[in-house]
Amino acid sequence: MLAKLTSKNQLTLPKAAVQAVGIADYFDVAVHEGQIVLTPVRIQRGDAVRAKLAALGLGGADVADAVAWARSEAVGRAPVAAEPAAPYRAAAAPGGRRAAASKKKLAPGA
């Protein structure tokens, strides 16, 4: 099998090679005795979450506290602020011009 290296250092792997090892989104790249060796890596979502928590310095107790807080009744009763009403704006007419607003003349004293 042959694969061409593009000017941006990209390779398209032959379909037969990918099917032989199984489809993967990521590959471990190693250089061994002048050869580039690609090994499919199947990342587990749980592993990614655990790695992120470890990078943030969060442990099991921190996660348990966060879950307990999220499940507490106080969270469900938190007041929700209403969004302010958007000010009225005239719709734009085709061509980028604003639509002319109709004006009624009011009688004096109205």
PDB file of N, CA and C in Angstrom:
ATOM      1  N   MET A   1       0.841  -1.171   0.000  1.00  0.00           N
ATOM      2  CA  MET A   1       0.000   0.000   0.000  1.00  0.00           C
ATOM      3  C   MET A   1       0.890   1.239   0.000  1.00  0.00           C
ATOM      4  N   LEU A   2       0.355   2.288  -0.609  1.00  0.00           N
ATOM      5  CA  LEU A   2       1.123   3.508  -0.748  1.00  0.00           C
ATOM      6  C   LEU A   2       0.252   4.689  -0.341  1.00  0.00           C
ATOM      7  N   ALA A   3       0.835   5.639   0.390  1.00  0.00           N
ATOM      8  CA  ALA A   3       0.132   6.856   0.772  1.00  0.00           C
ATOM      9  C   ALA A   3       1.013   8.043   0.426  1.00  0.00           C
ATOM     10  N   LYS A   4       0.411   9.109  -0.101  1.00  0.00           N
ATOM     11  CA  LYS A   4       1.169  10.292  -0.508  1.00  0.00           C
ATOM     12  C   LYS A   4       1.127  11.335   0.598  1.00  0.00           C
ATOM     13  N   LEU A   5       2.288  11.922   0.903  1.00  0.00           N
ATOM     14  CA  LEU A   5       2.401  12.994   1.883  1.00  0.00           C
ATOM     15  C   LEU A   5       2.145  14.313   1.167  1.00  0.00           C
ATOM     16  N   THR A   6       1.184  15.110   1.671  1.00  0.00           N
ATOM     17  CA  THR A   6       0.878  16.395   1.035  1.00  0.00           C
ATOM     18  C   THR A   6       1.863  17.458   1.502  1.00  0.00           C
ATOM     19  N   SER A   7       1.776  18.637   0.903  1.00  0.00           N
ATOM     20  CA  SER A   7       2.659  19.747   1.270  1.00  0.00           C
ATOM     21  C   SER A   7       2.413  20.212   2.703  1.00  0.00           C
ATOM     22  N   LYS A   8       1.256  19.861   3.268  1.00  0.00           N
ATOM     23  CA  LYS A   8       0.925  20.226   4.655  1.00  0.00           C
ATOM     24  C   LYS A   8       1.189  19.065   5.622  1.00  0.00           C
ATOM     25  N   ASN A   9       2.019  18.117   5.218  1.00  0.00           N
ATOM     26  CA  ASN A   9       2.371  16.940   6.033  1.00  0.00           C
ATOM     27  C   ASN A   9       1.150  16.104   6.413  1.00  0.00           C
ATOM     28  N   GLN A  10       0.211  15.972   5.511  1.00  0.00           N
ATOM     29  CA  GLN A  10      -0.977  15.162   5.760  1.00  0.00           C
ATOM     30  C   GLN A  10      -0.930  13.905   4.903  1.00  0.00           C
ATOM     31  N   LEU A  11      -1.430  12.816   5.490  1.00  0.00           N
ATOM     32  CA  LEU A  11      -1.528  11.537   4.787  1.00  0.00           C
ATOM     33  C   LEU A  11      -2.973  11.090   4.760  1.00  0.00           C
ATOM     34  N   THR A  12      -3.373  10.462   3.675  1.00  0.00           N
ATOM     35  CA  THR A  12      -4.658   9.773   3.639  1.00  0.00           C
ATOM     36  C   THR A  12      -4.338   8.294   3.742  1.00  0.00           C
ATOM     37  N   LEU A  13      -4.843   7.667   4.775  1.00  0.00           N
ATOM     38  CA  LEU A  13      -4.551   6.251   4.966  1.00  0.00           C
ATOM     39  C   LEU A  13      -5.383   5.412   4.006  1.00  0.00           C
ATOM     40  N   PRO A  14      -4.794   4.415   3.403  1.00  0.00           N
ATOM     41  CA  PRO A  14      -5.561   3.531   2.522  1.00  0.00           C
ATOM     42  C   PRO A  14      -6.694   2.844   3.291  1.00  0.00           C
ATOM     43  N   LYS A  15      -7.832   2.728   2.641  1.00  0.00           N
ATOM     44  CA  LYS A  15      -9.019   2.144   3.264  1.00  0.00           C
ATOM     45  C   LYS A  15      -8.735   0.736   3.792  1.00  0.00           C
ATOM     46  N   ALA A  16      -8.005  -0.048   3.047  1.00  0.00           N
ATOM     47  CA  ALA A  16      -7.700  -1.420   3.471  1.00  0.00           C
ATOM     48  C   ALA A  16      -6.901  -1.439   4.768  1.00  0.00           C
ATOM     49  N   ALA A  17      -5.982  -0.470   4.942  1.00  0.00           N
ATOM     50  CA  ALA A  17      -5.181  -0.419   6.164  1.00  0.00           C
ATOM     51  C   ALA A  17      -6.047  -0.064   7.369  1.00  0.00           C
ATOM     52  N   VAL A  18      -6.932   0.904   7.177  1.00  0.00           N
ATOM     53  CA  VAL A  18      -7.811   1.317   8.281  1.00  0.00           C
ATOM     54  C   VAL A  18      -8.761   0.185   8.661  1.00  0.00           C
ATOM     55  N   GLN A  19      -9.306  -0.491   7.667  1.00  0.00           N
ATOM     56  CA  GLN A  19     -10.214  -1.606   7.952  1.00  0.00           C
ATOM     57  C   GLN A  19      -9.499  -2.744   8.663  1.00  0.00           C
ATOM     58  N   ALA A  20      -8.223  -2.924   8.365  1.00  0.00           N
ATOM     59  CA  ALA A  20      -7.464  -4.017   8.983  1.00  0.00           C
ATOM     60  C   ALA A  20      -7.241  -3.794  10.476  1.00  0.00           C
ATOM     61  N   VAL A  21      -7.100  -2.531  10.897  1.00  0.00           N
ATOM     62  CA  VAL A  21      -6.836  -2.255  12.319  1.00  0.00           C
ATOM     63  C   VAL A  21      -8.064  -1.724  13.052  1.00  0.00           C
ATOM     64  N   GLY A  22      -9.096  -1.372  12.323  1.00  0.00           N
ATOM     65  CA  GLY A  22     -10.298  -0.818  12.939  1.00  0.00           C
ATOM     66  C   GLY A  22     -10.263   0.702  12.875  1.00  0.00           C
ATOM     67  N   ILE A  23     -11.422   1.285  12.695  1.00  0.00           N
ATOM     68  CA  ILE A  23     -11.512   2.732  12.557  1.00  0.00           C
ATOM     69  C   ILE A  23     -11.205   3.408  13.887  1.00  0.00           C
ATOM     70  N   ALA A  24     -10.372   4.446  13.819  1.00  0.00           N
ATOM     71  CA  ALA A  24     -10.013   5.226  15.011  1.00  0.00           C
ATOM     72  C   ALA A  24      -9.876   6.683  14.604  1.00  0.00           C
ATOM     73  N   ASP A  25     -10.188   7.589  15.520  1.00  0.00           N
ATOM     74  CA  ASP A  25     -10.044   9.016  15.246  1.00  0.00           C
ATOM     75  C   ASP A  25      -8.622   9.498  15.521  1.00  0.00           C
ATOM     76  N   TYR A  26      -7.925   8.812  16.402  1.00  0.00           N
ATOM     77  CA  TYR A  26      -6.581   9.226  16.796  1.00  0.00           C
ATOM     78  C   TYR A  26      -5.591   8.080  16.606  1.00  0.00           C
ATOM     79  N   PHE A  27      -4.344   8.465  16.315  1.00  0.00           N
ATOM     80  CA  PHE A  27      -3.275   7.486  16.174  1.00  0.00           C
ATOM     81  C   PHE A  27      -2.071   7.957  16.979  1.00  0.00           C
ATOM     82  N   ASP A  28      -1.444   7.034  17.684  1.00  0.00           N
ATOM     83  CA  ASP A  28      -0.184   7.316  18.348  1.00  0.00           C
ATOM     84  C   ASP A  28       0.887   7.245  17.268  1.00  0.00           C
ATOM     85  N   VAL A  29       1.759   8.254  17.226  1.00  0.00           N
ATOM     86  CA  VAL A  29       2.799   8.304  16.203  1.00  0.00           C
ATOM     87  C   VAL A  29       4.147   8.075  16.871  1.00  0.00           C
ATOM     88  N   ALA A  30       4.884   7.099  16.370  1.00  0.00           N
ATOM     89  CA  ALA A  30       6.218   6.799  16.904  1.00  0.00           C
ATOM     90  C   ALA A  30       7.185   6.619  15.745  1.00  0.00           C
ATOM     91  N   VAL A  31       8.439   6.931  15.993  1.00  0.00           N
ATOM     92  CA  VAL A  31       9.480   6.705  14.999  1.00  0.00           C
ATOM     93  C   VAL A  31      10.370   5.597  15.534  1.00  0.00           C
ATOM     94  N   HIS A  32      10.524   4.536  14.743  1.00  0.00           N
ATOM     95  CA  HIS A  32      11.297   3.360  15.171  1.00  0.00           C
ATOM     96  C   HIS A  32      12.203   2.930  14.024  1.00  0.00           C
ATOM     97  N   GLU A  33      13.511   3.092  14.222  1.00  0.00           N
ATOM     98  CA  GLU A  33      14.507   2.689  13.223  1.00  0.00           C
ATOM     99  C   GLU A  33      14.200   3.260  11.836  1.00  0.00           C
ATOM    100  N   GLY A  34      13.907   4.585  11.784  1.00  0.00           N
ATOM    101  CA  GLY A  34      13.668   5.245  10.507  1.00  0.00           C
ATOM    102  C   GLY A  34      12.279   5.041   9.931  1.00  0.00           C
ATOM    103  N   GLN A  35      11.397   4.390  10.680  1.00  0.00           N
ATOM    104  CA  GLN A  35      10.038   4.163  10.201  1.00  0.00           C
ATOM    105  C   GLN A  35       9.049   4.931  11.084  1.00  0.00           C
ATOM    106  N   ILE A  36       7.990   5.429  10.462  1.00  0.00           N
ATOM    107  CA  ILE A  36       6.907   6.062  11.214  1.00  0.00           C
ATOM    108  C   ILE A  36       5.870   4.986  11.485  1.00  0.00           C
ATOM    109  N   VAL A  37       5.575   4.775  12.761  1.00  0.00           N
ATOM    110  CA  VAL A  37       4.632   3.730  13.162  1.00  0.00           C
ATOM    111  C   VAL A  37       3.380   4.400  13.722  1.00  0.00           C
ATOM    112  N   LEU A  38       2.222   4.108  13.113  1.00  0.00           N
ATOM    113  CA  LEU A  38       0.940   4.630  13.575  1.00  0.00           C
ATOM    114  C   LEU A  38       0.198   3.522  14.305  1.00  0.00           C
ATOM    115  N   THR A  39      -0.228   3.808  15.537  1.00  0.00           N
ATOM    116  CA  THR A  39      -0.994   2.836  16.313  1.00  0.00           C
ATOM    117  C   THR A  39      -2.344   3.451  16.654  1.00  0.00           C
ATOM    118  N   PRO A  40      -3.460   2.803  16.256  1.00  0.00           N
ATOM    119  CA  PRO A  40      -4.778   3.368  16.562  1.00  0.00           C
ATOM    120  C   PRO A  40      -4.974   3.502  18.072  1.00  0.00           C
ATOM    121  N   VAL A  41      -5.545   4.637  18.468  1.00  0.00           N
ATOM    122  CA  VAL A  41      -5.834   4.895  19.881  1.00  0.00           C
ATOM    123  C   VAL A  41      -7.331   5.129  20.003  1.00  0.00           C
ATOM    124  N   ARG A  42      -7.941   4.396  20.867  1.00  0.00           N
ATOM    125  CA  ARG A  42      -9.372   4.566  21.120  1.00  0.00           C
ATOM    126  C   ARG A  42      -9.520   5.221  22.484  1.00  0.00           C
ATOM    127  N   ILE A  43      -9.824   6.495  22.461  1.00  0.00           N
ATOM    128  CA  ILE A  43      -9.924   7.267  23.694  1.00  0.00           C
ATOM    129  C   ILE A  43     -11.271   7.001  24.341  1.00  0.00           C
ATOM    130  N   GLN A  44     -11.217   6.683  25.606  1.00  0.00           N
ATOM    131  CA  GLN A  44     -12.436   6.450  26.377  1.00  0.00           C
ATOM    132  C   GLN A  44     -12.877   7.782  26.961  1.00  0.00           C
ATOM    133  N   ARG A  45     -14.157   8.095  26.866  1.00  0.00           N
ATOM    134  CA  ARG A  45     -14.658   9.353  27.409  1.00  0.00           C
ATOM    135  C   ARG A  45     -14.394   9.448  28.903  1.00  0.00           C
ATOM    136  N   GLY A  46     -14.556   8.371  29.613  1.00  0.00           N
ATOM    137  CA  GLY A  46     -14.311   8.380  31.052  1.00  0.00           C
ATOM    138  C   GLY A  46     -12.864   8.728  31.351  1.00  0.00           C
ATOM    139  N   ASP A  47     -11.948   8.205  30.549  1.00  0.00           N
ATOM    140  CA  ASP A  47     -10.533   8.514  30.739  1.00  0.00           C
ATOM    141  C   ASP A  47     -10.270  10.003  30.517  1.00  0.00           C
ATOM    142  N   ALA A  48     -10.924  10.580  29.514  1.00  0.00           N
ATOM    143  CA  ALA A  48     -10.736  11.999  29.221  1.00  0.00           C
ATOM    144  C   ALA A  48     -11.265  12.853  30.370  1.00  0.00           C
ATOM    145  N   VAL A  49     -12.410  12.470  30.924  1.00  0.00           N
ATOM    146  CA  VAL A  49     -12.983  13.216  32.054  1.00  0.00           C
ATOM    147  C   VAL A  49     -12.068  13.105  33.267  1.00  0.00           C
ATOM    148  N   ARG A  50     -11.598  11.894  33.557  1.00  0.00           N
ATOM    149  CA  ARG A  50     -10.696  11.714  34.704  1.00  0.00           C
ATOM    150  C   ARG A  50      -9.408  12.519  34.533  1.00  0.00           C
ATOM    151  N   ALA A  51      -8.882  12.553  33.319  1.00  0.00           N
ATOM    152  CA  ALA A  51      -7.657  13.319  33.058  1.00  0.00           C
ATOM    153  C   ALA A  51      -7.893  14.810  33.260  1.00  0.00           C
ATOM    154  N   LYS A  52      -9.049  15.313  32.821  1.00  0.00           N
ATOM    155  CA  LYS A  52      -9.374  16.730  32.989  1.00  0.00           C
ATOM    156  C   LYS A  52      -9.538  17.071  34.466  1.00  0.00           C
ATOM    157  N   LEU A  53     -10.225  16.211  35.218  1.00  0.00           N
ATOM    158  CA  LEU A  53     -10.389  16.437  36.656  1.00  0.00           C
ATOM    159  C   LEU A  53      -9.045  16.445  37.361  1.00  0.00           C
ATOM    160  N   ALA A  54      -8.165  15.530  36.980  1.00  0.00           N
ATOM    161  CA  ALA A  54      -6.832  15.476  37.583  1.00  0.00           C
ATOM    162  C   ALA A  54      -6.041  16.739  37.248  1.00  0.00           C
ATOM    163  N   ALA A  55      -6.162  17.213  36.011  1.00  0.00           N
ATOM    164  CA  ALA A  55      -5.452  18.430  35.606  1.00  0.00           C
ATOM    165  C   ALA A  55      -5.942  19.640  36.386  1.00  0.00           C
ATOM    166  N   LEU A  56      -7.222  19.631  36.752  1.00  0.00           N
ATOM    167  CA  LEU A  56      -7.791  20.731  37.529  1.00  0.00           C
ATOM    168  C   LEU A  56      -7.564  20.564  39.030  1.00  0.00           C
ATOM    169  N   GLY A  57      -6.998  19.425  39.432  1.00  0.00           N
ATOM    170  CA  GLY A  57      -6.747  19.175  40.846  1.00  0.00           C
ATOM    171  C   GLY A  57      -8.003  18.805  41.621  1.00  0.00           C
ATOM    172  N   LEU A  58      -8.991  18.260  40.944  1.00  0.00           N
ATOM    173  CA  LEU A  58     -10.241  17.868  41.593  1.00  0.00           C
ATOM    174  C   LEU A  58     -10.233  16.372  41.871  1.00  0.00           C
ATOM    175  N   GLY A  59     -10.648  16.000  43.072  1.00  0.00           N
ATOM    176  CA  GLY A  59     -10.678  14.596  43.451  1.00  0.00           C
ATOM    177  C   GLY A  59     -12.100  14.088  43.596  1.00  0.00           C
ATOM    178  N   GLY A  60     -12.216  12.851  44.039  1.00  0.00           N
ATOM    179  CA  GLY A  60     -13.522  12.216  44.212  1.00  0.00           C
ATOM    180  C   GLY A  60     -14.418  12.955  45.184  1.00  0.00           C
ATOM    181  N   ALA A  61     -13.837  13.489  46.272  1.00  0.00           N
ATOM    182  CA  ALA A  61     -14.635  14.224  47.257  1.00  0.00           C
ATOM    183  C   ALA A  61     -15.208  15.500  46.637  1.00  0.00           C
ATOM    184  N   ASP A  62     -14.427  16.174  45.783  1.00  0.00           N
ATOM    185  CA  ASP A  62     -14.906  17.387  45.122  1.00  0.00           C
ATOM    186  C   ASP A  62     -16.087  17.075  44.204  1.00  0.00           C
ATOM    187  N   VAL A  63     -15.983  15.995  43.474  1.00  0.00           N
ATOM    188  CA  VAL A  63     -17.063  15.595  42.563  1.00  0.00           C
ATOM    189  C   VAL A  63     -18.308  15.231  43.361  1.00  0.00           C
ATOM    190  N   ALA A  64     -18.140  14.480  44.446  1.00  0.00           N
ATOM    191  CA  ALA A  64     -19.282  14.098  45.280  1.00  0.00           C
ATOM    192  C   ALA A  64     -19.969  15.326  45.859  1.00  0.00           C
ATOM    193  N   ASP A  65     -19.181  16.313  46.310  1.00  0.00           N
ATOM    194  CA  ASP A  65     -19.758  17.552  46.851  1.00  0.00           C
ATOM    195  C   ASP A  65     -20.537  18.301  45.775  1.00  0.00           C
ATOM    196  N   ALA A  66     -20.001  18.349  44.555  1.00  0.00           N
ATOM    197  CA  ALA A  66     -20.671  19.053  43.466  1.00  0.00           C
ATOM    198  C   ALA A  66     -21.987  18.367  43.101  1.00  0.00           C
ATOM    199  N   VAL A  67     -21.984  17.045  43.072  1.00  0.00           N
ATOM    200  CA  VAL A  67     -23.210  16.297  42.755  1.00  0.00           C
ATOM    201  C   VAL A  67     -24.248  16.515  43.853  1.00  0.00           C
ATOM    202  N   ALA A  68     -23.827  16.459  45.101  1.00  0.00           N
ATOM    203  CA  ALA A  68     -24.763  16.681  46.216  1.00  0.00           C
ATOM    204  C   ALA A  68     -25.355  18.085  46.131  1.00  0.00           C
ATOM    205  N   TRP A  69     -24.536  19.083  45.817  1.00  0.00           N
ATOM    206  CA  TRP A  69     -25.033  20.447  45.699  1.00  0.00           C
ATOM    207  C   TRP A  69     -26.050  20.556  44.559  1.00  0.00           C
ATOM    208  N   ALA A  70     -25.730  19.943  43.393  1.00  0.00           N
ATOM    209  CA  ALA A  70     -26.621  20.017  42.240  1.00  0.00           C
ATOM    210  C   ALA A  70     -27.951  19.326  42.497  1.00  0.00           C
ATOM    211  N   ARG A  71     -27.939  18.297  43.338  1.00  0.00           N
ATOM    212  CA  ARG A  71     -29.172  17.562  43.640  1.00  0.00           C
ATOM    213  C   ARG A  71     -29.947  18.169  44.800  1.00  0.00           C
ATOM    214  N   SER A  72     -29.382  19.136  45.472  1.00  0.00           N
ATOM    215  CA  SER A  72     -30.044  19.713  46.642  1.00  0.00           C
ATOM    216  C   SER A  72     -31.291  20.478  46.223  1.00  0.00           C
ATOM    217  N   GLU A  73     -32.243  20.564  47.144  1.00  0.00           N
ATOM    218  CA  GLU A  73     -33.498  21.260  46.863  1.00  0.00           C
ATOM    219  C   GLU A  73     -33.276  22.751  46.707  1.00  0.00           C
ATOM    220  N   ALA A  74     -32.292  23.309  47.377  1.00  0.00           N
ATOM    221  CA  ALA A  74     -32.048  24.743  47.310  1.00  0.00           C
ATOM    222  C   ALA A  74     -31.720  25.173  45.885  1.00  0.00           C
ATOM    223  N   VAL A  75     -31.051  24.326  45.131  1.00  0.00           N
ATOM    224  CA  VAL A  75     -30.690  24.678  43.761  1.00  0.00           C
ATOM    225  C   VAL A  75     -31.940  24.777  42.904  1.00  0.00           C
ATOM    226  N   GLY A  76     -32.870  23.869  43.080  1.00  0.00           N
ATOM    227  CA  GLY A  76     -34.094  23.864  42.282  1.00  0.00           C
ATOM    228  C   GLY A  76     -34.983  25.059  42.553  1.00  0.00           C
ATOM    229  N   ARG A  77     -34.835  25.688  43.730  1.00  0.00           N
ATOM    230  CA  ARG A  77     -35.678  26.824  44.095  1.00  0.00           C
ATOM    231  C   ARG A  77     -35.002  28.162  43.840  1.00  0.00           C
ATOM    232  N   ALA A  78     -33.866  28.163  43.197  1.00  0.00           N
ATOM    233  CA  ALA A  78     -33.155  29.419  42.956  1.00  0.00           C
ATOM    234  C   ALA A  78     -33.995  30.311  42.054  1.00  0.00           C
ATOM    235  N   PRO A  79     -34.121  31.596  42.408  1.00  0.00           N
ATOM    236  CA  PRO A  79     -34.923  32.493  41.576  1.00  0.00           C
ATOM    237  C   PRO A  79     -34.273  32.675  40.209  1.00  0.00           C
ATOM    238  N   VAL A  80     -35.108  32.741  39.204  1.00  0.00           N
ATOM    239  CA  VAL A  80     -34.633  32.929  37.848  1.00  0.00           C
ATOM    240  C   VAL A  80     -34.986  34.345  37.425  1.00  0.00           C
ATOM    241  N   ALA A  81     -34.004  35.112  37.030  1.00  0.00           N
ATOM    242  CA  ALA A  81     -34.244  36.487  36.607  1.00  0.00           C
ATOM    243  C   ALA A  81     -34.834  36.488  35.208  1.00  0.00           C
ATOM    244  N   ALA A  82     -35.871  37.313  35.020  1.00  0.00           N
ATOM    245  CA  ALA A  82     -36.483  37.425  33.701  1.00  0.00           C
ATOM    246  C   ALA A  82     -35.617  38.319  32.829  1.00  0.00           C
ATOM    247  N   GLU A  83     -35.571  37.995  31.556  1.00  0.00           N
ATOM    248  CA  GLU A  83     -34.810  38.824  30.635  1.00  0.00           C
ATOM    249  C   GLU A  83     -35.577  40.105  30.362  1.00  0.00           C
ATOM    250  N   PRO A  84     -34.867  41.228  30.269  1.00  0.00           N
ATOM    251  CA  PRO A  84     -35.571  42.473  29.945  1.00  0.00           C
ATOM    252  C   PRO A  84     -36.095  42.408  28.514  1.00  0.00           C
ATOM    253  N   ALA A  85     -37.212  43.110  28.282  1.00  0.00           N
ATOM    254  CA  ALA A  85     -37.796  43.126  26.943  1.00  0.00           C
ATOM    255  C   ALA A  85     -36.877  43.892  26.000  1.00  0.00           C
ATOM    256  N   ALA A  86     -36.732  43.384  24.802  1.00  0.00           N
ATOM    257  CA  ALA A  86     -35.885  44.041  23.817  1.00  0.00           C
ATOM    258  C   ALA A  86     -36.591  45.292  23.323  1.00  0.00           C
ATOM    259  N   PRO A  87     -35.859  46.391  23.130  1.00  0.00           N
ATOM    260  CA  PRO A  87     -36.499  47.603  22.612  1.00  0.00           C
ATOM    261  C   PRO A  87     -36.981  47.366  21.187  1.00  0.00           C
ATOM    262  N   TYR A  88     -38.067  48.040  20.828  1.00  0.00           N
ATOM    263  CA  TYR A  88     -38.628  47.886  19.489  1.00  0.00           C
ATOM    264  C   TYR A  88     -37.679  48.487  18.466  1.00  0.00           C
ATOM    265  N   ARG A  89     -37.459  47.756  17.384  1.00  0.00           N
ATOM    266  CA  ARG A  89     -36.634  48.261  16.287  1.00  0.00           C
ATOM    267  C   ARG A  89     -37.392  48.025  14.989  1.00  0.00           C
ATOM    268  N   ALA A  90     -37.380  49.005  14.117  1.00  0.00           N
ATOM    269  CA  ALA A  90     -38.040  48.868  12.819  1.00  0.00           C
ATOM    270  C   ALA A  90     -37.310  47.819  11.998  1.00  0.00           C
ATOM    271  N   ALA A  91     -38.071  47.012  11.298  1.00  0.00           N
ATOM    272  CA  ALA A  91     -37.469  45.968  10.468  1.00  0.00           C
ATOM    273  C   ALA A  91     -36.785  46.598   9.267  1.00  0.00           C
ATOM    274  N   ALA A  92     -35.665  46.028   8.876  1.00  0.00           N
ATOM    275  CA  ALA A  92     -34.937  46.543   7.716  1.00  0.00           C
ATOM    276  C   ALA A  92     -35.621  46.096   6.443  1.00  0.00           C
ATOM    277  N   ALA A  93     -35.759  47.036   5.504  1.00  0.00           N
ATOM    278  CA  ALA A  93     -36.350  46.730   4.204  1.00  0.00           C
ATOM    279  C   ALA A  93     -35.277  46.125   3.311  1.00  0.00           C
ATOM    280  N   PRO A  94     -35.656  45.433   2.255  1.00  0.00           N
ATOM    281  CA  PRO A  94     -34.653  44.894   1.334  1.00  0.00           C
ATOM    282  C   PRO A  94     -33.745  46.012   0.840  1.00  0.00           C
ATOM    283  N   GLY A  95     -32.477  45.718   0.705  1.00  0.00           N
ATOM    284  CA  GLY A  95     -31.521  46.730   0.272  1.00  0.00           C
ATOM    285  C   GLY A  95     -30.855  47.433   1.439  1.00  0.00           C
ATOM    286  N   GLY A  96     -31.180  47.021   2.663  1.00  0.00           N
ATOM    287  CA  GLY A  96     -30.527  47.570   3.838  1.00  0.00           C
ATOM    288  C   GLY A  96     -31.162  48.835   4.377  1.00  0.00           C
ATOM    289  N   ARG A  97     -32.228  49.348   3.763  1.00  0.00           N
ATOM    290  CA  ARG A  97     -32.878  50.557   4.260  1.00  0.00           C
ATOM    291  C   ARG A  97     -33.915  50.190   5.304  1.00  0.00           C
ATOM    292  N   ARG A  98     -34.091  51.066   6.248  1.00  0.00           N
ATOM    293  CA  ARG A  98     -35.103  50.829   7.275  1.00  0.00           C
ATOM    294  C   ARG A  98     -36.491  51.099   6.694  1.00  0.00           C
ATOM    295  N   ALA A  99     -37.430  50.291   7.136  1.00  0.00           N
ATOM    296  CA  ALA A  99     -38.803  50.509   6.699  1.00  0.00           C
ATOM    297  C   ALA A  99     -39.318  51.805   7.302  1.00  0.00           C
ATOM    298  N   ALA A 100     -40.003  52.576   6.511  1.00  0.00           N
ATOM    299  CA  ALA A 100     -40.529  53.844   7.012  1.00  0.00           C
ATOM    300  C   ALA A 100     -41.673  53.565   7.960  1.00  0.00           C
ATOM    301  N   ALA A 101     -41.637  54.217   9.105  1.00  0.00           N
ATOM    302  CA  ALA A 101     -42.696  54.041  10.087  1.00  0.00           C
ATOM    303  C   ALA A 101     -43.834  54.984   9.736  1.00  0.00           C
ATOM    304  N   SER A 102     -45.045  54.491   9.810  1.00  0.00           N
ATOM    305  CA  SER A 102     -46.193  55.371   9.515  1.00  0.00           C
ATOM    306  C   SER A 102     -46.458  56.222  10.732  1.00  0.00           C
ATOM    307  N   LYS A 103     -46.715  57.497  10.461  1.00  0.00           N
ATOM    308  CA  LYS A 103     -46.979  58.433  11.556  1.00  0.00           C
ATOM    309  C   LYS A 103     -48.402  58.937  11.412  1.00  0.00           C
ATOM    310  N   LYS A 104     -49.136  58.904  12.496  1.00  0.00           N
ATOM    311  CA  LYS A 104     -50.487  59.441  12.504  1.00  0.00           C
ATOM    312  C   LYS A 104     -50.410  60.824  13.145  1.00  0.00           C
ATOM    313  N   LYS A 105     -51.129  61.739  12.554  1.00  0.00           N
ATOM    314  CA  LYS A 105     -51.218  63.056  13.156  1.00  0.00           C
ATOM    315  C   LYS A 105     -52.276  63.004  14.232  1.00  0.00           C
ATOM    316  N   LEU A 106     -51.898  63.435  15.391  1.00  0.00           N
ATOM    317  CA  LEU A 106     -52.839  63.442  16.501  1.00  0.00           C
ATOM    318  C   LEU A 106     -53.548  64.794  16.563  1.00  0.00           C
ATOM    319  N   ALA A 107     -54.775  64.720  16.937  1.00  0.00           N
ATOM    320  CA  ALA A 107     -55.535  65.956  17.123  1.00  0.00           C
ATOM    321  C   ALA A 107     -54.986  66.688  18.330  1.00  0.00           C
ATOM    322  N   PRO A 108     -55.023  68.007  18.311  1.00  0.00           N
ATOM    323  CA  PRO A 108     -54.525  68.757  19.458  1.00  0.00           C
ATOM    324  C   PRO A 108     -55.221  68.315  20.730  1.00  0.00           C
ATOM    325  N   GLY A 109     -54.441  68.158  21.767  1.00  0.00           N
ATOM    326  CA  GLY A 109     -54.986  67.781  23.071  1.00  0.00           C
ATOM    327  C   GLY A 109     -55.214  66.286  23.216  1.00  0.00           C
ATOM    328  N   ALA A 110     -54.850  65.493  22.216  1.00  0.00           N
ATOM    329  CA  ALA A 110     -55.069  64.045  22.299  1.00  0.00           C
ATOM    330  C   ALA A 110     -53.934  63.376  23.006  1.00  0.00           C
TER     331      ALA A 110
END
